[in-house]
Amino acid sequence: MNRDDVAAHIAKVPGTRVNFFERPHPSEYEVGIAEQDGSYWVYWSSERASIRAESHFHDESDALREFLDLLSLEHQRRELFGGGSRP
């Protein structure tokens, strides 16, 4: 798994907020991955940008898989409960 594969998958879930290697902090209702000090931080945030789940990885491929798992969970949350969409 590589970044291009994941970027293609992100395009299939429009409306879901993602931070794909863009910044080192979460926004509300977001799934993110960031590279920090040689490792990868993967997270899922709530409406107040607090962390619901987070993991740290040394292997980018493992981090990308976790990112996709959390992206799927956020997509399911949006389908069930709505909210968290940008105007």
Protein backbone atom coordinates (compact mmCIF):
# COMPACT_ATOMS: atom_id res chain seq x y z
CA MET A 1 0.00 0.00 0.00
CA ASN A 2 1.28 3.46 -0.86
CA ARG A 3 0.14 7.08 -0.67
CA ASP A 4 -1.22 7.09 -4.22
CA ASP A 5 -3.47 4.09 -3.46
CA VAL A 6 -4.81 5.82 -0.37
CA ALA A 7 -5.29 9.15 -2.18
CA ALA A 8 -7.41 7.34 -4.78
CA HIS A 9 -9.51 5.81 -1.99
CA ILE A 10 -10.00 9.21 -0.31
CA ALA A 11 -11.57 10.48 -3.52
CA LYS A 12 -14.23 7.76 -3.20
CA VAL A 13 -15.53 9.14 0.12
CA PRO A 14 -16.43 12.76 -0.68
CA GLY A 15 -17.47 14.98 2.17
CA THR A 16 -15.33 13.16 4.73
CA ARG A 17 -12.75 15.44 6.28
CA VAL A 18 -9.20 14.21 5.99
CA ASN A 19 -5.77 15.49 6.89
CA PHE A 20 -3.53 13.55 4.52
CA PHE A 21 0.01 14.59 5.45
CA GLU A 22 -0.98 18.29 5.45
CA ARG A 23 -0.67 19.53 9.05
CA PRO A 24 0.35 18.23 12.48
CA HIS A 25 -2.92 18.83 14.35
CA PRO A 26 -6.55 17.67 14.07
CA SER A 27 -9.65 19.56 13.02
CA GLU A 28 -13.18 18.56 13.99
CA TYR A 29 -14.64 15.33 12.58
CA GLU A 30 -11.49 14.41 10.76
CA VAL A 31 -9.38 11.38 9.97
CA GLY A 32 -5.74 12.25 9.68
CA ILE A 33 -2.25 11.00 9.12
CA ALA A 34 0.89 13.05 9.64
CA GLU A 35 4.59 12.31 9.62
CA GLN A 36 6.36 13.40 12.80
CA ASP A 37 9.97 12.77 13.78
CA GLY A 38 10.33 9.75 11.51
CA SER A 39 7.11 8.06 12.55
CA TYR A 40 3.48 8.31 11.48
CA TRP A 41 0.60 9.55 13.61
CA VAL A 42 -2.88 8.37 12.63
CA TYR A 43 -5.96 9.77 14.36
CA TRP A 44 -9.73 10.20 14.27
CA SER A 45 -11.21 13.33 15.87
CA SER A 46 -14.56 14.38 17.31
CA GLU A 47 -16.64 17.54 16.88
CA ARG A 48 -14.33 19.47 19.19
CA ALA A 49 -11.20 18.16 17.46
CA SER A 50 -10.47 15.97 20.47
CA ILE A 51 -8.98 12.59 19.66
CA ARG A 52 -11.27 9.55 19.50
CA ALA A 53 -8.54 7.17 18.40
CA GLU A 54 -4.86 7.53 17.67
CA SER A 55 -1.92 5.31 16.86
CA HIS A 56 1.75 5.77 16.10
CA PHE A 57 3.62 3.69 13.53
CA HIS A 58 7.18 3.39 12.27
CA ASP A 59 6.09 1.75 9.02
CA GLU A 60 4.22 3.97 6.55
CA SER A 61 2.29 1.06 5.03
CA ASP A 62 0.91 0.05 8.45
CA ALA A 63 -0.05 3.67 9.13
CA LEU A 64 -1.83 3.94 5.79
CA ARG A 65 -3.85 0.78 6.52
CA GLU A 66 -4.90 2.18 9.90
CA PHE A 67 -5.79 5.49 8.24
CA LEU A 68 -8.09 3.65 5.79
CA ASP A 69 -9.73 1.73 8.65
CA LEU A 70 -10.47 4.97 10.50
CA LEU A 71 -11.64 6.62 7.29
CA SER A 72 -14.14 3.81 6.86
CA LEU A 73 -15.39 4.26 10.43
CA GLU A 74 -15.86 8.01 9.93
CA HIS A 75 -17.72 7.39 6.68
CA GLN A 76 -20.05 4.97 8.51
CA ARG A 77 -20.56 7.51 11.32
CA ARG A 78 -21.54 10.17 8.78
CA GLU A 79 -23.99 7.81 7.07
CA LEU A 80 -25.64 6.86 10.37
CA PHE A 81 -25.65 10.17 12.23
CA GLY A 82 -24.79 12.88 9.71
CA GLY A 83 -23.04 16.03 10.77
CA GLY A 84 -19.46 17.04 10.59
CA SER A 85 -19.70 18.32 7.04
CA ARG A 86 -18.23 21.54 5.76
CA PRO A 87 -20.58 24.17 4.35
